[in-house]
Amino acid sequence: MSQLQANTITAVLQTLDSFSSLEMIDRRLLVLLLEEGTISRDILLKAADQKLRKVGRTAYVQHITSMVQSTYTIWPDHTLSAEAFAYALAHGEFTKNEERRIRFDHGDTIESFIASSEYAVDHLCQKTVDQWLDITPPPEHKWPKGDHDSYCPGCD
């Protein structure tokens, strides 16, 4: 592997780690790097794993902090990313002591939370990489008929 390729991979991984979502230009660049062989799908899957673990830990902190510092508990399925929380639990991100602190609503347990078909933790890395590589443009916004205002040039 050349130094340029290694530097490119490092830059891509840092970008993927620092953003919650990728802009279209970032996605197109990612697809190009993949097509050119500069990065591999395995590298992207590893980056997705690291990102999901990190976001899962953040969701854990949100849950625990809410129980300690608030009158309102943010349950695991209501955290900023329940999917990532379930993924991190399934992949051993937490110590046994940390796991014992987690409280669930709806009668859930760690096992049932992980097993929820809603989160599909077995395919979450693949799903994440697929989202990163999706370069489908967003749908064009259509203004409702009769919506006339001075801030909408060209609206009919």
C-alpha atoms as a PDB file:
ATOM      1  CA  MET A   1       0.000   0.000   0.000  1.00  0.00           C
ATOM      2  CA  SER A   2       1.384   3.375  -0.979  1.00  0.00           C
ATOM      3  CA  GLN A   3       1.696   6.250   1.459  1.00  0.00           C
ATOM      4  CA  LEU A   4      -0.883   8.197  -0.561  1.00  0.00           C
ATOM      5  CA  GLN A   5      -3.373   5.340  -0.291  1.00  0.00           C
ATOM      6  CA  ALA A   6      -2.723   4.991   3.447  1.00  0.00           C
ATOM      7  CA  ASN A   7      -3.210   8.741   3.934  1.00  0.00           C
ATOM      8  CA  THR A   8      -6.418   8.648   1.887  1.00  0.00           C
ATOM      9  CA  ILE A   9      -7.797   5.771   3.940  1.00  0.00           C
ATOM     10  CA  THR A  10      -6.932   7.597   7.164  1.00  0.00           C
ATOM     11  CA  ALA A  11      -8.658  10.765   5.934  1.00  0.00           C
ATOM     12  CA  VAL A  12     -11.756   8.820   4.856  1.00  0.00           C
ATOM     13  CA  LEU A  13     -11.990   7.029   8.198  1.00  0.00           C
ATOM     14  CA  GLN A  14     -11.639  10.305  10.096  1.00  0.00           C
ATOM     15  CA  THR A  15     -14.366  11.859   7.954  1.00  0.00           C
ATOM     16  CA  LEU A  16     -16.688   8.913   8.518  1.00  0.00           C
ATOM     17  CA  ASP A  17     -16.044   9.054  12.248  1.00  0.00           C
ATOM     18  CA  SER A  18     -16.633  12.771  12.628  1.00  0.00           C
ATOM     19  CA  PHE A  19     -19.904  13.205  10.721  1.00  0.00           C
ATOM     20  CA  SER A  20     -23.316  11.880  11.646  1.00  0.00           C
ATOM     21  CA  SER A  21     -24.361  11.946   8.013  1.00  0.00           C
ATOM     22  CA  LEU A  22     -22.492  12.431   4.795  1.00  0.00           C
ATOM     23  CA  GLU A  23     -23.204  15.172   2.311  1.00  0.00           C
ATOM     24  CA  MET A  24     -23.795  14.101  -1.284  1.00  0.00           C
ATOM     25  CA  ILE A  25     -20.296  15.233  -2.333  1.00  0.00           C
ATOM     26  CA  ASP A  26     -18.757  13.084   0.411  1.00  0.00           C
ATOM     27  CA  ARG A  27     -20.810  10.105  -0.730  1.00  0.00           C
ATOM     28  CA  ARG A  28     -19.776  10.542  -4.349  1.00  0.00           C
ATOM     29  CA  LEU A  29     -16.132  10.764  -3.312  1.00  0.00           C
ATOM     30  CA  LEU A  30     -16.516   7.633  -1.209  1.00  0.00           C
ATOM     31  CA  VAL A  31     -18.039   5.745  -4.157  1.00  0.00           C
ATOM     32  CA  LEU A  32     -15.218   6.934  -6.425  1.00  0.00           C
ATOM     33  CA  LEU A  33     -12.543   5.823  -3.948  1.00  0.00           C
ATOM     34  CA  LEU A  34     -14.230   2.436  -3.673  1.00  0.00           C
ATOM     35  CA  GLU A  35     -14.544   2.041  -7.453  1.00  0.00           C
ATOM     36  CA  GLU A  36     -10.901   3.054  -7.951  1.00  0.00           C
ATOM     37  CA  GLY A  37      -9.771   0.496  -5.384  1.00  0.00           C
ATOM     38  CA  THR A  38      -8.285   3.089  -3.045  1.00  0.00           C
ATOM     39  CA  ILE A  39     -10.481   1.826  -0.237  1.00  0.00           C
ATOM     40  CA  SER A  40     -12.261  -1.471   0.163  1.00  0.00           C
ATOM     41  CA  ARG A  41     -15.694  -2.419   1.403  1.00  0.00           C
ATOM     42  CA  ASP A  42     -13.985  -4.196   4.319  1.00  0.00           C
ATOM     43  CA  ILE A  43     -12.418  -0.909   5.400  1.00  0.00           C
ATOM     44  CA  LEU A  44     -15.832   0.752   5.239  1.00  0.00           C
ATOM     45  CA  LEU A  45     -17.411  -2.072   7.244  1.00  0.00           C
ATOM     46  CA  LYS A  46     -14.716  -1.683   9.899  1.00  0.00           C
ATOM     47  CA  ALA A  47     -15.329   2.077   9.969  1.00  0.00           C
ATOM     48  CA  ALA A  48     -19.074   1.452  10.332  1.00  0.00           C
ATOM     49  CA  ASP A  49     -18.404  -0.934  13.224  1.00  0.00           C
ATOM     50  CA  GLN A  50     -16.274   1.674  14.999  1.00  0.00           C
ATOM     51  CA  LYS A  51     -18.835   4.412  14.346  1.00  0.00           C
ATOM     52  CA  LEU A  52     -21.741   2.294  15.621  1.00  0.00           C
ATOM     53  CA  ARG A  53     -19.838   1.375  18.782  1.00  0.00           C
ATOM     54  CA  LYS A  54     -18.998   5.034  19.416  1.00  0.00           C
ATOM     55  CA  VAL A  55     -22.567   6.223  18.846  1.00  0.00           C
ATOM     56  CA  GLY A  56     -23.848   3.302  20.933  1.00  0.00           C
ATOM     57  CA  ARG A  57     -21.643   4.373  23.820  1.00  0.00           C
ATOM     58  CA  THR A  58     -22.914   7.945  23.456  1.00  0.00           C
ATOM     59  CA  ALA A  59     -26.486   6.612  23.644  1.00  0.00           C
ATOM     60  CA  TYR A  60     -25.527   4.667  26.779  1.00  0.00           C
ATOM     61  CA  VAL A  61     -24.143   7.834  28.388  1.00  0.00           C
ATOM     62  CA  GLN A  62     -27.329   9.693  27.450  1.00  0.00           C
ATOM     63  CA  HIS A  63     -29.428   6.965  29.106  1.00  0.00           C
ATOM     64  CA  ILE A  64     -27.347   6.739  32.294  1.00  0.00           C
ATOM     65  CA  THR A  65     -27.019  10.507  32.634  1.00  0.00           C
ATOM     66  CA  SER A  66     -30.777  10.934  32.317  1.00  0.00           C
ATOM     67  CA  MET A  67     -31.355   8.536  35.201  1.00  0.00           C
ATOM     68  CA  VAL A  68     -28.846  10.305  37.432  1.00  0.00           C
ATOM     69  CA  GLN A  69     -29.363  13.970  36.589  1.00  0.00           C
ATOM     70  CA  SER A  70     -32.945  14.248  35.437  1.00  0.00           C
ATOM     71  CA  THR A  71     -36.474  13.567  36.530  1.00  0.00           C
ATOM     72  CA  TYR A  72     -37.093  12.047  33.098  1.00  0.00           C
ATOM     73  CA  THR A  73     -35.399   8.799  32.085  1.00  0.00           C
ATOM     74  CA  ILE A  74     -34.375   8.463  28.468  1.00  0.00           C
ATOM     75  CA  TRP A  75     -34.915   4.752  27.914  1.00  0.00           C
ATOM     76  CA  PRO A  76     -32.524   2.870  25.614  1.00  0.00           C
ATOM     77  CA  ASP A  77     -35.122   2.698  22.838  1.00  0.00           C
ATOM     78  CA  HIS A  78     -35.528   6.491  22.995  1.00  0.00           C
ATOM     79  CA  THR A  79     -31.860   7.482  22.934  1.00  0.00           C
ATOM     80  CA  LEU A  80     -30.273   9.345  20.051  1.00  0.00           C
ATOM     81  CA  SER A  81     -29.626   5.985  18.354  1.00  0.00           C
ATOM     82  CA  ALA A  82     -31.329   2.918  19.738  1.00  0.00           C
ATOM     83  CA  GLU A  83     -29.912   0.910  16.821  1.00  0.00           C
ATOM     84  CA  ALA A  84     -26.333   1.816  17.702  1.00  0.00           C
ATOM     85  CA  PHE A  85     -27.033   1.198  21.402  1.00  0.00           C
ATOM     86  CA  ALA A  86     -28.299  -2.306  20.584  1.00  0.00           C
ATOM     87  CA  TYR A  87     -25.337  -2.874  18.255  1.00  0.00           C
ATOM     88  CA  ALA A  88     -22.827  -1.828  20.910  1.00  0.00           C
ATOM     89  CA  LEU A  89     -24.507  -4.110  23.453  1.00  0.00           C
ATOM     90  CA  ALA A  90     -24.456  -7.021  21.011  1.00  0.00           C
ATOM     91  CA  HIS A  91     -20.772  -6.523  20.284  1.00  0.00           C
ATOM     92  CA  GLY A  92     -19.466  -6.355  23.844  1.00  0.00           C
ATOM     93  CA  GLU A  93     -18.810  -2.633  23.990  1.00  0.00           C
ATOM     94  CA  PHE A  94     -19.833  -2.382  27.653  1.00  0.00           C
ATOM     95  CA  THR A  95     -18.477  -3.931  30.816  1.00  0.00           C
ATOM     96  CA  LYS A  96     -20.737  -6.117  32.954  1.00  0.00           C
ATOM     97  CA  ASN A  97     -20.955  -3.272  35.495  1.00  0.00           C
ATOM     98  CA  GLU A  98     -22.086  -0.873  32.782  1.00  0.00           C
ATOM     99  CA  GLU A  99     -24.642  -3.380  31.522  1.00  0.00           C
ATOM    100  CA  ARG A 100     -26.086  -3.781  35.030  1.00  0.00           C
ATOM    101  CA  ARG A 101     -26.799  -0.038  35.164  1.00  0.00           C
ATOM    102  CA  ILE A 102     -28.999  -0.115  32.046  1.00  0.00           C
ATOM    103  CA  ARG A 103     -32.750   0.006  32.669  1.00  0.00           C
ATOM    104  CA  PHE A 104     -35.351  -0.878  30.074  1.00  0.00           C
ATOM    105  CA  ASP A 105     -39.020  -0.124  29.726  1.00  0.00           C
ATOM    106  CA  HIS A 106     -41.610  -2.322  27.985  1.00  0.00           C
ATOM    107  CA  GLY A 107     -40.301  -5.364  29.881  1.00  0.00           C
ATOM    108  CA  ASP A 108     -37.186  -5.499  27.715  1.00  0.00           C
ATOM    109  CA  THR A 109     -33.924  -7.101  28.733  1.00  0.00           C
ATOM    110  CA  ILE A 110     -30.521  -6.702  27.139  1.00  0.00           C
ATOM    111  CA  GLU A 111     -31.168  -9.846  25.126  1.00  0.00           C
ATOM    112  CA  SER A 112     -34.626  -8.822  23.917  1.00  0.00           C
ATOM    113  CA  PHE A 113     -33.427  -5.301  23.140  1.00  0.00           C
ATOM    114  CA  ILE A 114     -30.602  -6.673  20.985  1.00  0.00           C
ATOM    115  CA  ALA A 115     -32.868  -9.251  19.344  1.00  0.00           C
ATOM    116  CA  SER A 116     -35.503  -6.702  18.353  1.00  0.00           C
ATOM    117  CA  SER A 117     -36.084  -7.007  14.621  1.00  0.00           C
ATOM    118  CA  GLU A 118     -36.452  -3.238  14.600  1.00  0.00           C
ATOM    119  CA  TYR A 119     -32.694  -2.826  15.089  1.00  0.00           C
ATOM    120  CA  ALA A 120     -31.345  -5.716  12.957  1.00  0.00           C
ATOM    121  CA  VAL A 121     -27.923  -5.512  14.592  1.00  0.00           C
ATOM    122  CA  ASP A 122     -26.615  -8.399  12.473  1.00  0.00           C
ATOM    123  CA  HIS A 123     -26.891  -6.261   9.342  1.00  0.00           C
ATOM    124  CA  LEU A 124     -26.356  -2.796  10.772  1.00  0.00           C
ATOM    125  CA  CYS A 125     -22.777  -2.335   9.524  1.00  0.00           C
ATOM    126  CA  GLN A 126     -23.832  -3.346   6.029  1.00  0.00           C
ATOM    127  CA  LYS A 127     -26.857  -1.033   6.200  1.00  0.00           C
ATOM    128  CA  THR A 128     -24.645   1.839   7.373  1.00  0.00           C
ATOM    129  CA  VAL A 129     -22.137   1.342   4.551  1.00  0.00           C
ATOM    130  CA  ASP A 130     -24.976   1.101   2.028  1.00  0.00           C
ATOM    131  CA  GLN A 131     -26.309   4.443   3.299  1.00  0.00           C
ATOM    132  CA  TRP A 132     -22.852   5.995   3.013  1.00  0.00           C
ATOM    133  CA  LEU A 133     -22.623   4.807  -0.591  1.00  0.00           C
ATOM    134  CA  ASP A 134     -26.131   5.855  -1.622  1.00  0.00           C
ATOM    135  CA  ILE A 135     -25.746   8.684  -4.112  1.00  0.00           C
ATOM    136  CA  THR A 136     -29.406   8.888  -5.054  1.00  0.00           C
ATOM    137  CA  PRO A 137     -30.279  12.585  -5.088  1.00  0.00           C
ATOM    138  CA  PRO A 138     -33.018  13.686  -2.723  1.00  0.00           C
ATOM    139  CA  PRO A 139     -36.420  14.259  -4.302  1.00  0.00           C
ATOM    140  CA  GLU A 140     -37.022  17.710  -5.713  1.00  0.00           C
ATOM    141  CA  HIS A 141     -39.160  19.884  -3.489  1.00  0.00           C
ATOM    142  CA  LYS A 142     -42.532  20.756  -4.985  1.00  0.00           C
ATOM    143  CA  TRP A 143     -44.229  23.860  -3.672  1.00  0.00           C
ATOM    144  CA  PRO A 144     -47.943  23.452  -3.021  1.00  0.00           C
ATOM    145  CA  LYS A 145     -50.175  25.075  -5.619  1.00  0.00           C
ATOM    146  CA  GLY A 146     -51.421  28.443  -4.512  1.00  0.00           C
ATOM    147  CA  ASP A 147     -48.503  28.964  -2.105  1.00  0.00           C
ATOM    148  CA  HIS A 148     -47.505  32.483  -3.093  1.00  0.00           C
ATOM    149  CA  ASP A 149     -45.145  34.589  -1.088  1.00  0.00           C
ATOM    150  CA  SER A 150     -42.280  36.948  -1.725  1.00  0.00           C
ATOM    151  CA  TYR A 151     -39.755  34.364  -0.535  1.00  0.00           C
ATOM    152  CA  CYS A 152     -40.633  31.882  -3.236  1.00  0.00           C
ATOM    153  CA  PRO A 153     -39.458  33.184  -6.601  1.00  0.00           C
ATOM    154  CA  GLY A 154     -40.900  31.157  -9.413  1.00  0.00           C
ATOM    155  CA  CYS A 155     -43.711  29.653  -7.350  1.00  0.00           C
ATOM    156  CA  ASP A 156     -46.957  29.510  -9.266  1.00  0.00           C
END
